[in-house]
Amino acid sequence: MTAAPKGNARVAADNRKARFNYAIGEVFEAGIALTGTEVKSLRAGKATIGESYAAEKDGDLFLVNANIPEYLQANQFNHTPKRPRRLLLHRRQVDKLVAAVQREGMTIVPLKIYFNEKGRAKVEIALAKGKNVADKRETAKKRDWDREKSRVMRDKG
């Protein structure tokens, strides 16, 4: 489907651990239902999605355990920081994601929350399969080798 913020999209929260802990499969772009104070807090760049995931409830997908802290200037009209937030996807996409989770034991992981060109908050989610310890070690080894290789090439060239 669609993926990755393009152009002048501004990233509000990034899940850097996701690519290390999971083997990322298909990537989707979803809208997210937010309140006004949540949007203001996201624009300030205060959100964390490192431990969050998407889960199905009553035929809809919800972003669970994403922390968008309270907006300080909101006073009594603030939001709950870790409430489940509804993800806005087409029915076909929801059915595909839920089927993959149930049948293949995959997880729906948010990769980043960003604002697109129109100023709308979007979530980049992916179907992911958890890596075991050996796979994580292999990823770290490959990353270290790539870093060393670039150093050697930079010094020679």
Foldseek 3Di string as FASTA:
>chain_A
DDDDADDPKFFLEFQPCDVLFWPWDDKDKWAWDDDPQLLVLSVVSPKYQNPWFWDDDPLFIWIFQIARDWRVVPPPPTDDGGDIITIHDDSVVSVVLVCCCVPVVWTKGWGTWIAHPVRGIMTMITTTDGDDPVSSVVVVVVVVVVVVVVVVVVVVD
